[in-house]
C-alpha atoms as a PDB file:
ATOM      1  CA  UNK A   1      -3.244  -7.462 -21.822  1.00  0.00           C
ATOM      2  CA  UNK A   2      -0.923  -6.801 -24.739  1.00  0.00           C
ATOM      3  CA  UNK A   3      -0.665  -9.256 -27.593  1.00  0.00           C
ATOM      4  CA  UNK A   4       2.981 -10.443 -27.470  1.00  0.00           C
ATOM      5  CA  UNK A   5       2.901 -11.448 -31.137  1.00  0.00           C
ATOM      6  CA  UNK A   6       2.289  -7.846 -32.152  1.00  0.00           C
ATOM      7  CA  UNK A   7       5.303  -5.552 -32.369  1.00  0.00           C
ATOM      8  CA  UNK A   8       5.883  -1.853 -32.833  1.00  0.00           C
ATOM      9  CA  UNK A   9       6.493  -2.371 -36.569  1.00  0.00           C
ATOM     10  CA  UNK A  10       3.003  -3.853 -36.914  1.00  0.00           C
ATOM     11  CA  UNK A  11       1.519  -0.753 -35.287  1.00  0.00           C
ATOM     12  CA  UNK A  12       3.580   1.504 -37.569  1.00  0.00           C
ATOM     13  CA  UNK A  13       2.372  -0.358 -40.656  1.00  0.00           C
ATOM     14  CA  UNK A  14      -1.271  -0.270 -39.515  1.00  0.00           C
ATOM     15  CA  UNK A  15      -1.114   3.460 -38.791  1.00  0.00           C
ATOM     16  CA  UNK A  16       0.910   4.288 -41.911  1.00  0.00           C
ATOM     17  CA  UNK A  17       3.726   5.978 -39.976  1.00  0.00           C
ATOM     18  CA  UNK A  18       7.322   5.268 -39.045  1.00  0.00           C
ATOM     19  CA  UNK A  19       8.434   3.162 -36.091  1.00  0.00           C
ATOM     20  CA  UNK A  20       9.972   6.307 -34.610  1.00  0.00           C
ATOM     21  CA  UNK A  21       6.636   8.100 -34.727  1.00  0.00           C
ATOM     22  CA  UNK A  22       4.919   5.200 -32.969  1.00  0.00           C
ATOM     23  CA  UNK A  23       7.599   5.286 -30.274  1.00  0.00           C
ATOM     24  CA  UNK A  24       7.175   9.031 -29.763  1.00  0.00           C
ATOM     25  CA  UNK A  25       3.399   8.773 -29.498  1.00  0.00           C
ATOM     26  CA  UNK A  26       3.206   5.785 -27.148  1.00  0.00           C
ATOM     27  CA  UNK A  27       5.994   7.109 -24.930  1.00  0.00           C
ATOM     28  CA  UNK A  28       4.623  10.681 -24.875  1.00  0.00           C
ATOM     29  CA  UNK A  29       7.996  12.070 -25.956  1.00  0.00           C
ATOM     30  CA  UNK A  30       8.149  15.734 -24.970  1.00  0.00           C
ATOM     31  CA  UNK A  31       9.973  17.144 -28.002  1.00  0.00           C
ATOM     32  CA  UNK A  32       8.269  15.059 -30.696  1.00  0.00           C
ATOM     33  CA  UNK A  33       6.406  17.059 -33.350  1.00  0.00           C
ATOM     34  CA  UNK A  34       3.523  14.739 -34.100  1.00  0.00           C
ATOM     35  CA  UNK A  35       0.114  16.103 -35.058  1.00  0.00           C
ATOM     36  CA  UNK A  36      -3.013  15.312 -33.051  1.00  0.00           C
ATOM     37  CA  UNK A  37      -4.591  13.350 -35.935  1.00  0.00           C
ATOM     38  CA  UNK A  38      -1.486  11.174 -36.315  1.00  0.00           C
ATOM     39  CA  UNK A  39      -1.311  10.575 -32.561  1.00  0.00           C
ATOM     40  CA  UNK A  40      -4.914   9.446 -32.528  1.00  0.00           C
ATOM     41  CA  UNK A  41      -4.316   7.136 -35.506  1.00  0.00           C
ATOM     42  CA  UNK A  42      -1.313   5.544 -33.802  1.00  0.00           C
ATOM     43  CA  UNK A  43      -3.161   5.016 -30.519  1.00  0.00           C
ATOM     44  CA  UNK A  44      -6.158   3.557 -32.323  1.00  0.00           C
ATOM     45  CA  UNK A  45      -3.944   1.127 -34.247  1.00  0.00           C
ATOM     46  CA  UNK A  46      -2.107   0.080 -31.069  1.00  0.00           C
ATOM     47  CA  UNK A  47      -5.373  -0.508 -29.224  1.00  0.00           C
ATOM     48  CA  UNK A  48      -6.917  -2.408 -32.125  1.00  0.00           C
ATOM     49  CA  UNK A  49      -3.885  -4.676 -32.478  1.00  0.00           C
ATOM     50  CA  UNK A  50      -3.556  -5.164 -28.727  1.00  0.00           C
ATOM     51  CA  UNK A  51      -0.066  -3.667 -28.597  1.00  0.00           C
ATOM     52  CA  UNK A  52       1.382  -2.088 -25.454  1.00  0.00           C
ATOM     53  CA  UNK A  53       4.931  -0.937 -24.717  1.00  0.00           C
ATOM     54  CA  UNK A  54       7.049  -3.362 -22.741  1.00  0.00           C
ATOM     55  CA  UNK A  55       6.740  -1.942 -19.234  1.00  0.00           C
ATOM     56  CA  UNK A  56       9.949  -3.537 -17.976  1.00  0.00           C
ATOM     57  CA  UNK A  57      11.959  -2.158 -20.876  1.00  0.00           C
ATOM     58  CA  UNK A  58      10.406   1.258 -20.340  1.00  0.00           C
ATOM     59  CA  UNK A  59      11.283   1.206 -16.662  1.00  0.00           C
ATOM     60  CA  UNK A  60      14.897   0.357 -17.384  1.00  0.00           C
ATOM     61  CA  UNK A  61      15.135   3.154 -19.953  1.00  0.00           C
ATOM     62  CA  UNK A  62      13.280   5.900 -18.096  1.00  0.00           C
ATOM     63  CA  UNK A  63      13.908   4.875 -14.488  1.00  0.00           C
ATOM     64  CA  UNK A  64      10.166   5.051 -13.934  1.00  0.00           C
ATOM     65  CA  UNK A  65       7.829   2.282 -12.803  1.00  0.00           C
ATOM     66  CA  UNK A  66       4.655   3.540 -14.496  1.00  0.00           C
ATOM     67  CA  UNK A  67       2.852   3.311 -11.145  1.00  0.00           C
ATOM     68  CA  UNK A  68       1.180   6.172  -9.290  1.00  0.00           C
ATOM     69  CA  UNK A  69       0.431   5.952  -5.584  1.00  0.00           C
ATOM     70  CA  UNK A  70      -3.056   7.022  -4.516  1.00  0.00           C
ATOM     71  CA  UNK A  71      -3.896   7.530  -0.845  1.00  0.00           C
ATOM     72  CA  UNK A  72      -7.669   7.682  -0.369  1.00  0.00           C
ATOM     73  CA  UNK A  73      -9.066   8.986   2.899  1.00  0.00           C
ATOM     74  CA  UNK A  74     -12.288   6.945   2.798  1.00  0.00           C
ATOM     75  CA  UNK A  75     -13.300   8.074  -0.708  1.00  0.00           C
ATOM     76  CA  UNK A  76     -12.662   4.571  -2.079  1.00  0.00           C
ATOM     77  CA  UNK A  77     -15.614   3.411   0.049  1.00  0.00           C
ATOM     78  CA  UNK A  78     -17.816   6.478  -0.545  1.00  0.00           C
ATOM     79  CA  UNK A  79     -19.824   6.606  -3.812  1.00  0.00           C
ATOM     80  CA  UNK A  80     -20.277  10.373  -3.524  1.00  0.00           C
ATOM     81  CA  UNK A  81     -16.567  11.204  -3.750  1.00  0.00           C
ATOM     82  CA  UNK A  82     -15.487   8.046  -5.556  1.00  0.00           C
ATOM     83  CA  UNK A  83     -15.478   9.871  -8.881  1.00  0.00           C
ATOM     84  CA  UNK A  84     -12.142  11.350  -7.790  1.00  0.00           C
ATOM     85  CA  UNK A  85     -10.677   7.871  -8.195  1.00  0.00           C
ATOM     86  CA  UNK A  86     -12.467   7.372 -11.509  1.00  0.00           C
ATOM     87  CA  UNK A  87     -11.061  10.621 -12.887  1.00  0.00           C
ATOM     88  CA  UNK A  88      -7.579   9.693 -11.704  1.00  0.00           C
ATOM     89  CA  UNK A  89      -7.761   6.116 -12.987  1.00  0.00           C
ATOM     90  CA  UNK A  90      -9.050   6.987 -16.452  1.00  0.00           C
ATOM     91  CA  UNK A  91      -6.482   9.749 -16.879  1.00  0.00           C
ATOM     92  CA  UNK A  92      -3.647   7.519 -15.671  1.00  0.00           C
ATOM     93  CA  UNK A  93      -4.648   4.729 -18.053  1.00  0.00           C
ATOM     94  CA  UNK A  94      -4.812   7.143 -20.988  1.00  0.00           C
ATOM     95  CA  UNK A  95      -1.289   8.299 -20.153  1.00  0.00           C
ATOM     96  CA  UNK A  96       0.033   4.744 -19.782  1.00  0.00           C
ATOM     97  CA  UNK A  97       0.166   4.602 -15.967  1.00  0.00           C
ATOM     98  CA  UNK A  98      -1.567   2.504 -13.307  1.00  0.00           C
ATOM     99  CA  UNK A  99      -2.806   3.406  -9.828  1.00  0.00           C
ATOM    100  CA  UNK A 100      -1.818   1.692  -6.588  1.00  0.00           C
ATOM    101  CA  UNK A 101      -4.482   2.621  -4.032  1.00  0.00           C
ATOM    102  CA  UNK A 102      -4.281   2.656  -0.243  1.00  0.00           C
ATOM    103  CA  UNK A 103      -7.534   3.410   1.577  1.00  0.00           C
ATOM    104  CA  UNK A 104      -7.212   5.027   4.988  1.00  0.00           C
ATOM    105  CA  UNK A 105      -9.385   6.889   7.486  1.00  0.00           C
ATOM    106  CA  UNK A 106     -10.000  10.620   7.668  1.00  0.00           C
ATOM    107  CA  UNK A 107      -9.134  10.312  11.363  1.00  0.00           C
ATOM    108  CA  UNK A 108      -5.843   8.493  10.720  1.00  0.00           C
ATOM    109  CA  UNK A 109      -2.877   9.710  12.773  1.00  0.00           C
ATOM    110  CA  UNK A 110       0.046  11.566  11.263  1.00  0.00           C
ATOM    111  CA  UNK A 111       2.189   8.460  11.884  1.00  0.00           C
ATOM    112  CA  UNK A 112      -0.320   6.248  10.081  1.00  0.00           C
ATOM    113  CA  UNK A 113      -0.426   8.559   7.058  1.00  0.00           C
ATOM    114  CA  UNK A 114       3.381   8.620   6.996  1.00  0.00           C
ATOM    115  CA  UNK A 115       3.415   4.803   6.994  1.00  0.00           C
ATOM    116  CA  UNK A 116       0.961   4.724   4.073  1.00  0.00           C
ATOM    117  CA  UNK A 117       3.212   7.004   2.011  1.00  0.00           C
ATOM    118  CA  UNK A 118       6.248   4.883   2.943  1.00  0.00           C
ATOM    119  CA  UNK A 119       4.461   1.730   1.773  1.00  0.00           C
ATOM    120  CA  UNK A 120       3.869   3.300  -1.634  1.00  0.00           C
ATOM    121  CA  UNK A 121       7.430   4.592  -1.939  1.00  0.00           C
ATOM    122  CA  UNK A 122       8.771   1.128  -1.120  1.00  0.00           C
ATOM    123  CA  UNK A 123       6.909  -0.103  -4.191  1.00  0.00           C
ATOM    124  CA  UNK A 124       8.700   2.442  -6.391  1.00  0.00           C
ATOM    125  CA  UNK A 125       5.722   4.589  -7.351  1.00  0.00           C
ATOM    126  CA  UNK A 126       6.662   7.534  -9.577  1.00  0.00           C
ATOM    127  CA  UNK A 127       4.465  10.009  -7.712  1.00  0.00           C
ATOM    128  CA  UNK A 128       1.650  10.233  -5.175  1.00  0.00           C
ATOM    129  CA  UNK A 129      -1.900  11.585  -5.173  1.00  0.00           C
ATOM    130  CA  UNK A 130      -3.399  12.184  -1.726  1.00  0.00           C
ATOM    131  CA  UNK A 131      -7.188  12.615  -1.774  1.00  0.00           C
ATOM    132  CA  UNK A 132      -9.453  13.483   1.135  1.00  0.00           C
ATOM    133  CA  UNK A 133     -13.170  12.796   1.461  1.00  0.00           C
ATOM    134  CA  UNK A 134     -14.076  16.460   1.855  1.00  0.00           C
ATOM    135  CA  UNK A 135     -12.302  19.775   1.394  1.00  0.00           C
ATOM    136  CA  UNK A 136     -10.042  20.336   4.388  1.00  0.00           C
ATOM    137  CA  UNK A 137      -6.556  21.398   5.412  1.00  0.00           C
ATOM    138  CA  UNK A 138      -3.998  18.629   5.828  1.00  0.00           C
ATOM    139  CA  UNK A 139      -0.755  18.271   7.761  1.00  0.00           C
ATOM    140  CA  UNK A 140       1.274  16.614   5.004  1.00  0.00           C
ATOM    141  CA  UNK A 141       3.591  13.736   6.035  1.00  0.00           C
ATOM    142  CA  UNK A 142       7.251  14.717   5.695  1.00  0.00           C
ATOM    143  CA  UNK A 143       8.006  11.821   3.360  1.00  0.00           C
ATOM    144  CA  UNK A 144       5.617  13.306   0.771  1.00  0.00           C
ATOM    145  CA  UNK A 145       8.024  16.191   0.273  1.00  0.00           C
ATOM    146  CA  UNK A 146      10.739  15.787  -2.332  1.00  0.00           C
ATOM    147  CA  UNK A 147       8.675  13.551  -4.650  1.00  0.00           C
ATOM    148  CA  UNK A 148       6.080  14.471  -7.281  1.00  0.00           C
ATOM    149  CA  UNK A 149       2.851  14.780  -5.279  1.00  0.00           C
ATOM    150  CA  UNK A 150      -0.516  16.537  -5.466  1.00  0.00           C
ATOM    151  CA  UNK A 151      -3.257  16.861  -2.847  1.00  0.00           C
ATOM    152  CA  UNK A 152      -6.832  16.379  -4.065  1.00  0.00           C
ATOM    153  CA  UNK A 153      -9.728  18.153  -2.319  1.00  0.00           C
ATOM    154  CA  UNK A 154      -7.393  19.325   0.437  1.00  0.00           C
ATOM    155  CA  UNK A 155      -4.850  22.037   1.146  1.00  0.00           C
ATOM    156  CA  UNK A 156      -1.346  21.720   2.569  1.00  0.00           C
ATOM    157  CA  UNK A 157      -1.094  23.753   5.772  1.00  0.00           C
ATOM    158  CA  UNK A 158       2.506  24.659   4.850  1.00  0.00           C
ATOM    159  CA  UNK A 159       1.812  25.370   1.150  1.00  0.00           C
ATOM    160  CA  UNK A 160       4.667  23.095   0.106  1.00  0.00           C
ATOM    161  CA  UNK A 161       2.609  20.567  -1.893  1.00  0.00           C
ATOM    162  CA  UNK A 162       0.455  21.426  -4.912  1.00  0.00           C
ATOM    163  CA  UNK A 163      -3.269  20.911  -4.476  1.00  0.00           C
ATOM    164  CA  UNK A 164      -6.561  21.090  -6.354  1.00  0.00           C
ATOM    165  CA  UNK A 165      -9.800  22.023  -4.585  1.00  0.00           C
ATOM    166  CA  UNK A 166     -13.389  22.972  -5.455  1.00  0.00           C
ATOM    167  CA  UNK A 167     -14.245  26.648  -5.909  1.00  0.00           C
ATOM    168  CA  UNK A 168     -16.466  26.791  -2.824  1.00  0.00           C
ATOM    169  CA  UNK A 169     -16.982  30.548  -3.102  1.00  0.00           C
ATOM    170  CA  UNK A 170     -18.008  30.378  -6.754  1.00  0.00           C
ATOM    171  CA  UNK A 171     -20.414  27.500  -6.170  1.00  0.00           C
ATOM    172  CA  UNK A 172     -22.075  29.111  -3.158  1.00  0.00           C
ATOM    173  CA  UNK A 173     -22.341  32.409  -5.025  1.00  0.00           C
ATOM    174  CA  UNK A 174     -24.195  30.675  -7.870  1.00  0.00           C
ATOM    175  CA  UNK A 175     -26.535  28.990  -5.373  1.00  0.00           C
ATOM    176  CA  UNK A 176     -27.490  32.212  -3.591  1.00  0.00           C
ATOM    177  CA  UNK A 177     -27.689  34.194  -6.818  1.00  0.00           C
ATOM    178  CA  UNK A 178     -30.245  31.777  -8.291  1.00  0.00           C
ATOM    179  CA  UNK A 179     -32.499  32.463  -5.292  1.00  0.00           C
ATOM    180  CA  UNK A 180     -32.066  36.224  -5.632  1.00  0.00           C
ATOM    181  CA  UNK A 181     -32.717  36.105  -9.373  1.00  0.00           C
ATOM    182  CA  UNK A 182     -35.948  34.211  -8.649  1.00  0.00           C
ATOM    183  CA  UNK A 183     -37.058  37.242  -6.632  1.00  0.00           C
ATOM    184  CA  UNK A 184     -36.273  36.184  -3.052  1.00  0.00           C
ATOM    185  CA  UNK A 185     -35.110  38.924  -0.704  1.00  0.00           C
ATOM    186  CA  UNK A 186     -35.376  37.187   2.661  1.00  0.00           C
ATOM    187  CA  UNK A 187     -33.004  34.242   2.355  1.00  0.00           C
ATOM    188  CA  UNK A 188     -31.807  31.981   5.156  1.00  0.00           C
ATOM    189  CA  UNK A 189     -28.770  29.738   5.356  1.00  0.00           C
ATOM    190  CA  UNK A 190     -28.384  26.369   7.045  1.00  0.00           C
ATOM    191  CA  UNK A 191     -24.653  25.960   7.668  1.00  0.00           C
ATOM    192  CA  UNK A 192     -22.297  23.331   9.023  1.00  0.00           C
ATOM    193  CA  UNK A 193     -20.740  23.540  12.500  1.00  0.00           C
ATOM    194  CA  UNK A 194     -17.440  21.863  11.512  1.00  0.00           C
ATOM    195  CA  UNK A 195     -14.378  24.108  11.305  1.00  0.00           C
ATOM    196  CA  UNK A 196     -13.497  23.267   7.692  1.00  0.00           C
ATOM    197  CA  UNK A 197     -12.811  25.537   4.685  1.00  0.00           C
ATOM    198  CA  UNK A 198     -16.214  24.867   3.107  1.00  0.00           C
ATOM    199  CA  UNK A 199     -18.068  26.093   6.203  1.00  0.00           C
ATOM    200  CA  UNK A 200     -16.354  29.463   6.117  1.00  0.00           C
ATOM    201  CA  UNK A 201     -16.211  29.857   2.317  1.00  0.00           C
ATOM    202  CA  UNK A 202     -19.898  29.122   1.759  1.00  0.00           C
ATOM    203  CA  UNK A 203     -20.960  31.504   4.536  1.00  0.00           C
ATOM    204  CA  UNK A 204     -18.689  34.243   3.193  1.00  0.00           C
ATOM    205  CA  UNK A 205     -20.117  33.793  -0.306  1.00  0.00           C
ATOM    206  CA  UNK A 206     -23.638  33.942   1.161  1.00  0.00           C
ATOM    207  CA  UNK A 207     -22.902  37.289   2.814  1.00  0.00           C
ATOM    208  CA  UNK A 208     -21.049  38.737  -0.180  1.00  0.00           C
ATOM    209  CA  UNK A 209     -23.718  37.747  -2.701  1.00  0.00           C
ATOM    210  CA  UNK A 210     -26.455  39.341  -0.609  1.00  0.00           C
ATOM    211  CA  UNK A 211     -24.379  42.498  -0.286  1.00  0.00           C
ATOM    212  CA  UNK A 212     -23.578  42.625  -4.004  1.00  0.00           C
ATOM    213  CA  UNK A 213     -27.311  42.431  -4.707  1.00  0.00           C
ATOM    214  CA  UNK A 214     -28.170  45.235  -2.281  1.00  0.00           C
ATOM    215  CA  UNK A 215     -29.709  42.893   0.322  1.00  0.00           C
ATOM    216  CA  UNK A 216     -28.910  43.207   4.017  1.00  0.00           C
ATOM    217  CA  UNK A 217     -27.329  40.250   5.806  1.00  0.00           C
ATOM    218  CA  UNK A 218     -29.357  39.130   8.833  1.00  0.00           C
ATOM    219  CA  UNK A 219     -27.346  36.936  11.204  1.00  0.00           C
ATOM    220  CA  UNK A 220     -30.613  35.648  12.704  1.00  0.00           C
ATOM    221  CA  UNK A 221     -31.349  33.920   9.397  1.00  0.00           C
ATOM    222  CA  UNK A 222     -28.237  31.713   9.648  1.00  0.00           C
ATOM    223  CA  UNK A 223     -28.525  28.483  11.622  1.00  0.00           C
ATOM    224  CA  UNK A 224     -25.733  25.914  12.031  1.00  0.00           C
ATOM    225  CA  UNK A 225     -25.879  22.234  12.914  1.00  0.00           C
ATOM    226  CA  UNK A 226     -24.023  19.011  12.151  1.00  0.00           C
ATOM    227  CA  UNK A 227     -24.005  18.560   8.381  1.00  0.00           C
ATOM    228  CA  UNK A 228     -26.409  15.616   8.284  1.00  0.00           C
ATOM    229  CA  UNK A 229     -30.137  15.182   7.641  1.00  0.00           C
ATOM    230  CA  UNK A 230     -30.999  15.553  11.333  1.00  0.00           C
ATOM    231  CA  UNK A 231     -28.948  18.738  11.583  1.00  0.00           C
ATOM    232  CA  UNK A 232     -30.659  20.247   8.564  1.00  0.00           C
ATOM    233  CA  UNK A 233     -34.039  19.327  10.023  1.00  0.00           C
ATOM    234  CA  UNK A 234     -33.337  20.990  13.381  1.00  0.00           C
ATOM    235  CA  UNK A 235     -31.881  24.129  11.801  1.00  0.00           C
ATOM    236  CA  UNK A 236     -34.776  24.426   9.347  1.00  0.00           C
ATOM    237  CA  UNK A 237     -37.360  24.068  12.116  1.00  0.00           C
ATOM    238  CA  UNK A 238     -35.843  27.051  13.895  1.00  0.00           C
ATOM    239  CA  UNK A 239     -35.748  29.157  10.724  1.00  0.00           C
ATOM    240  CA  UNK A 240     -39.173  28.239   9.435  1.00  0.00           C
ATOM    241  CA  UNK A 241     -40.974  28.543  12.769  1.00  0.00           C
ATOM    242  CA  UNK A 242     -40.195  32.287  12.814  1.00  0.00           C
ATOM    243  CA  UNK A 243     -43.076  34.676  12.154  1.00  0.00           C
ATOM    244  CA  UNK A 244     -40.767  36.464   9.702  1.00  0.00           C
ATOM    245  CA  UNK A 245     -39.476  33.232   8.195  1.00  0.00           C
ATOM    246  CA  UNK A 246     -37.320  33.286   5.038  1.00  0.00           C
ATOM    247  CA  UNK A 247     -38.911  32.508   1.690  1.00  0.00           C
ATOM    248  CA  UNK A 248     -35.789  30.644   0.538  1.00  0.00           C
ATOM    249  CA  UNK A 249     -32.972  28.660   2.159  1.00  0.00           C
ATOM    250  CA  UNK A 250     -29.431  27.907   1.023  1.00  0.00           C
ATOM    251  CA  UNK A 251     -28.248  24.650   2.611  1.00  0.00           C
ATOM    252  CA  UNK A 252     -24.637  23.694   3.295  1.00  0.00           C
ATOM    253  CA  UNK A 253     -25.151  20.341   1.588  1.00  0.00           C
ATOM    254  CA  UNK A 254     -27.827  18.095   0.111  1.00  0.00           C
ATOM    255  CA  UNK A 255     -28.213  16.050   3.298  1.00  0.00           C
ATOM    256  CA  UNK A 256     -29.101  19.178   5.248  1.00  0.00           C
ATOM    257  CA  UNK A 257     -31.467  20.159   2.426  1.00  0.00           C
ATOM    258  CA  UNK A 258     -33.216  16.800   2.868  1.00  0.00           C
ATOM    259  CA  UNK A 259     -33.737  17.701   6.514  1.00  0.00           C
ATOM    260  CA  UNK A 260     -35.108  21.090   5.482  1.00  0.00           C
ATOM    261  CA  UNK A 261     -37.644  19.321   3.212  1.00  0.00           C
ATOM    262  CA  UNK A 262     -38.842  17.279   6.193  1.00  0.00           C
ATOM    263  CA  UNK A 263     -39.145  20.353   8.428  1.00  0.00           C
ATOM    264  CA  UNK A 264     -41.060  22.249   5.757  1.00  0.00           C
ATOM    265  CA  UNK A 265     -43.506  19.352   5.330  1.00  0.00           C
ATOM    266  CA  UNK A 266     -44.144  19.151   9.069  1.00  0.00           C
ATOM    267  CA  UNK A 267     -44.916  22.878   9.141  1.00  0.00           C
ATOM    268  CA  UNK A 268     -47.304  22.572   6.216  1.00  0.00           C
ATOM    269  CA  UNK A 269     -45.045  24.377   3.736  1.00  0.00           C
ATOM    270  CA  UNK A 270     -44.843  23.284   0.116  1.00  0.00           C
ATOM    271  CA  UNK A 271     -41.551  23.365  -1.818  1.00  0.00           C
ATOM    272  CA  UNK A 272     -41.109  25.449  -3.928  1.00  0.00           C
ATOM    273  CA  UNK A 273     -44.491  27.222  -3.615  1.00  0.00           C
ATOM    274  CA  UNK A 274     -43.903  28.379  -0.023  1.00  0.00           C
ATOM    275  CA  UNK A 275     -40.166  27.809   0.282  1.00  0.00           C
ATOM    276  CA  UNK A 276     -37.368  27.580  -2.271  1.00  0.00           C
ATOM    277  CA  UNK A 277     -34.377  25.405  -1.354  1.00  0.00           C
ATOM    278  CA  UNK A 278     -30.891  25.096  -2.847  1.00  0.00           C
ATOM    279  CA  UNK A 279     -28.311  22.539  -1.714  1.00  0.00           C
ATOM    280  CA  UNK A 280     -24.642  21.854  -2.338  1.00  0.00           C
ATOM    281  CA  UNK A 281     -22.670  18.727  -3.408  1.00  0.00           C
ATOM    282  CA  UNK A 282     -25.115  17.261  -5.970  1.00  0.00           C
ATOM    283  CA  UNK A 283     -25.351  13.915  -4.215  1.00  0.00           C
ATOM    284  CA  UNK A 284     -27.468  12.484  -6.982  1.00  0.00           C
ATOM    285  CA  UNK A 285     -29.153   9.736  -4.939  1.00  0.00           C
ATOM    286  CA  UNK A 286     -30.503  12.528  -2.742  1.00  0.00           C
ATOM    287  CA  UNK A 287     -30.904  15.510  -5.069  1.00  0.00           C
ATOM    288  CA  UNK A 288     -32.620  13.687  -7.925  1.00  0.00           C
ATOM    289  CA  UNK A 289     -34.953  11.721  -5.671  1.00  0.00           C
ATOM    290  CA  UNK A 290     -36.265  14.447  -3.404  1.00  0.00           C
ATOM    291  CA  UNK A 291     -39.698  15.731  -4.403  1.00  0.00           C
ATOM    292  CA  UNK A 292     -39.407  18.185  -5.988  1.00  0.00           C
ATOM    293  CA  UNK A 293     -35.916  17.412  -7.277  1.00  0.00           C
ATOM    294  CA  UNK A 294     -33.310  19.608  -5.597  1.00  0.00           C
ATOM    295  CA  UNK A 295     -31.478  22.455  -7.299  1.00  0.00           C
ATOM    296  CA  UNK A 296     -27.925  22.175  -6.025  1.00  0.00           C
ATOM    297  CA  UNK A 297     -24.247  22.776  -6.745  1.00  0.00           C
ATOM    298  CA  UNK A 298     -22.030  20.030  -8.138  1.00  0.00           C
ATOM    299  CA  UNK A 299     -18.595  19.307  -6.690  1.00  0.00           C
ATOM    300  CA  UNK A 300     -15.989  18.584  -9.418  1.00  0.00           C
ATOM    301  CA  UNK A 301     -14.837  15.234  -8.046  1.00  0.00           C
ATOM    302  CA  UNK A 302     -14.040  13.614 -11.388  1.00  0.00           C
ATOM    303  CA  UNK A 303     -12.396  16.778 -12.683  1.00  0.00           C
ATOM    304  CA  UNK A 304     -10.182  17.109  -9.583  1.00  0.00           C
ATOM    305  CA  UNK A 305      -8.980  13.515  -9.928  1.00  0.00           C
ATOM    306  CA  UNK A 306      -8.288  13.996 -13.632  1.00  0.00           C
ATOM    307  CA  UNK A 307      -6.541  17.367 -13.203  1.00  0.00           C
ATOM    308  CA  UNK A 308      -4.324  16.080 -10.414  1.00  0.00           C
ATOM    309  CA  UNK A 309      -3.301  12.959 -12.332  1.00  0.00           C
ATOM    310  CA  UNK A 310      -2.617  14.838 -15.565  1.00  0.00           C
ATOM    311  CA  UNK A 311      -0.375  17.344 -13.813  1.00  0.00           C
ATOM    312  CA  UNK A 312       1.325  14.741 -11.643  1.00  0.00           C
ATOM    313  CA  UNK A 313       2.301  12.737 -14.730  1.00  0.00           C
ATOM    314  CA  UNK A 314       3.480  15.894 -16.491  1.00  0.00           C
ATOM    315  CA  UNK A 315       5.730  16.589 -13.503  1.00  0.00           C
ATOM    316  CA  UNK A 316       7.047  13.019 -13.485  1.00  0.00           C
ATOM    317  CA  UNK A 317       7.870  13.314 -17.177  1.00  0.00           C
ATOM    318  CA  UNK A 318       9.524  16.705 -16.762  1.00  0.00           C
ATOM    319  CA  UNK A 319       6.820  18.680 -18.575  1.00  0.00           C
ATOM    320  CA  UNK A 320       5.797  20.920 -15.675  1.00  0.00           C
ATOM    321  CA  UNK A 321       7.056  22.192 -12.327  1.00  0.00           C
ATOM    322  CA  UNK A 322       4.626  21.453  -9.505  1.00  0.00           C
ATOM    323  CA  UNK A 323       6.189  24.132  -7.306  1.00  0.00           C
ATOM    324  CA  UNK A 324       4.447  26.656  -9.553  1.00  0.00           C
ATOM    325  CA  UNK A 325       1.104  25.427  -8.171  1.00  0.00           C
ATOM    326  CA  UNK A 326       2.098  24.996  -4.529  1.00  0.00           C
ATOM    327  CA  UNK A 327       1.588  28.485  -3.096  1.00  0.00           C
ATOM    328  CA  UNK A 328      -2.089  28.742  -4.084  1.00  0.00           C
ATOM    329  CA  UNK A 329      -4.450  25.767  -4.606  1.00  0.00           C
ATOM    330  CA  UNK A 330      -5.907  25.313  -8.076  1.00  0.00           C
ATOM    331  CA  UNK A 331      -9.653  25.998  -8.036  1.00  0.00           C
ATOM    332  CA  UNK A 332     -12.062  24.007 -10.207  1.00  0.00           C
ATOM    333  CA  UNK A 333     -15.566  25.256 -10.909  1.00  0.00           C
ATOM    334  CA  UNK A 334     -18.620  24.024  -8.975  1.00  0.00           C
ATOM    335  CA  UNK A 335     -21.491  24.335 -11.491  1.00  0.00           C
ATOM    336  CA  UNK A 336     -25.101  24.913 -10.508  1.00  0.00           C
ATOM    337  CA  UNK A 337     -27.434  21.997 -11.312  1.00  0.00           C
ATOM    338  CA  UNK A 338     -30.927  23.397 -11.870  1.00  0.00           C
ATOM    339  CA  UNK A 339     -33.875  21.183 -10.934  1.00  0.00           C
ATOM    340  CA  UNK A 340     -37.291  21.998  -9.468  1.00  0.00           C
ATOM    341  CA  UNK A 341     -36.876  23.369  -5.936  1.00  0.00           C
ATOM    342  CA  UNK A 342     -36.686  27.092  -6.744  1.00  0.00           C
ATOM    343  CA  UNK A 343     -39.620  29.340  -7.642  1.00  0.00           C
ATOM    344  CA  UNK A 344     -40.410  33.030  -7.212  1.00  0.00           C
ATOM    345  CA  UNK A 345     -41.898  33.856  -3.782  1.00  0.00           C
ATOM    346  CA  UNK A 346     -45.629  34.194  -3.403  1.00  0.00           C
ATOM    347  CA  UNK A 347     -46.556  37.874  -3.351  1.00  0.00           C
END
């Protein structure tokens, strides 16, 4: 809460700058030539004194409410992807905006999603972020067109709305490459059966990385199941029961990797002595607590939320044109997180 007894002149005096400079900094004026050090000094003084711009006066002057709509397809109730909201919220707060969140289901109808957007627009939000629980294609409600909007972890089937997604290909490439660099030549993959972008991208990266390293792709070493622990277990049993079993496995996600650990244990195989395993998603409650800890690929949830919010606000304030991003989704890196589940194969 702002301290009503503190005014903009008090902030200017505390920061040693003019009232105009304080106004430019706190209102993020586009054309203002204010150095980074001065901006930081002004913001620090405003925070220390408890000063905040009068939101009602700002709204009357700029015709903006300072509110961003955020539609969350289940991620608000999912710790794994909840960092999308954290990235969005922290970025919005730093830029002087607040989030208004609606949580919906990933199986919501088109009509239901349209109603959610309408509810936000009725409350005069300046723009909308629409985030899905996992990377997928989305039929965007018509009422999302014509307003500043960005999709997070999803792609618009009509390429009319800007979006930010994880670099699935890059992440999967890093996962498979770490197995190859450890010396593995017979590598299996446990994939998902769902028809979503990640299923196809991760398999394509698996094939391409093998090819780029001079290794032949063997379709018999790819098994697909539902992307849960039980699915990973069943797929791993089939792979590891082979007489010519792989010495390493790339798993679609960490839950399937957990199932692979169970299958390996039942077959008397030690990880990573007898089998190296790499996952995807970096679900820390799983990856850090498996024994040995799982080498995996991290999804940039926080970074996607932050990127989307930063660019949405820039569009609202006339600093960028979101149509420039609409044709092709923006890709954010999926870094490899090295732990203890990869080791050179036994000779």
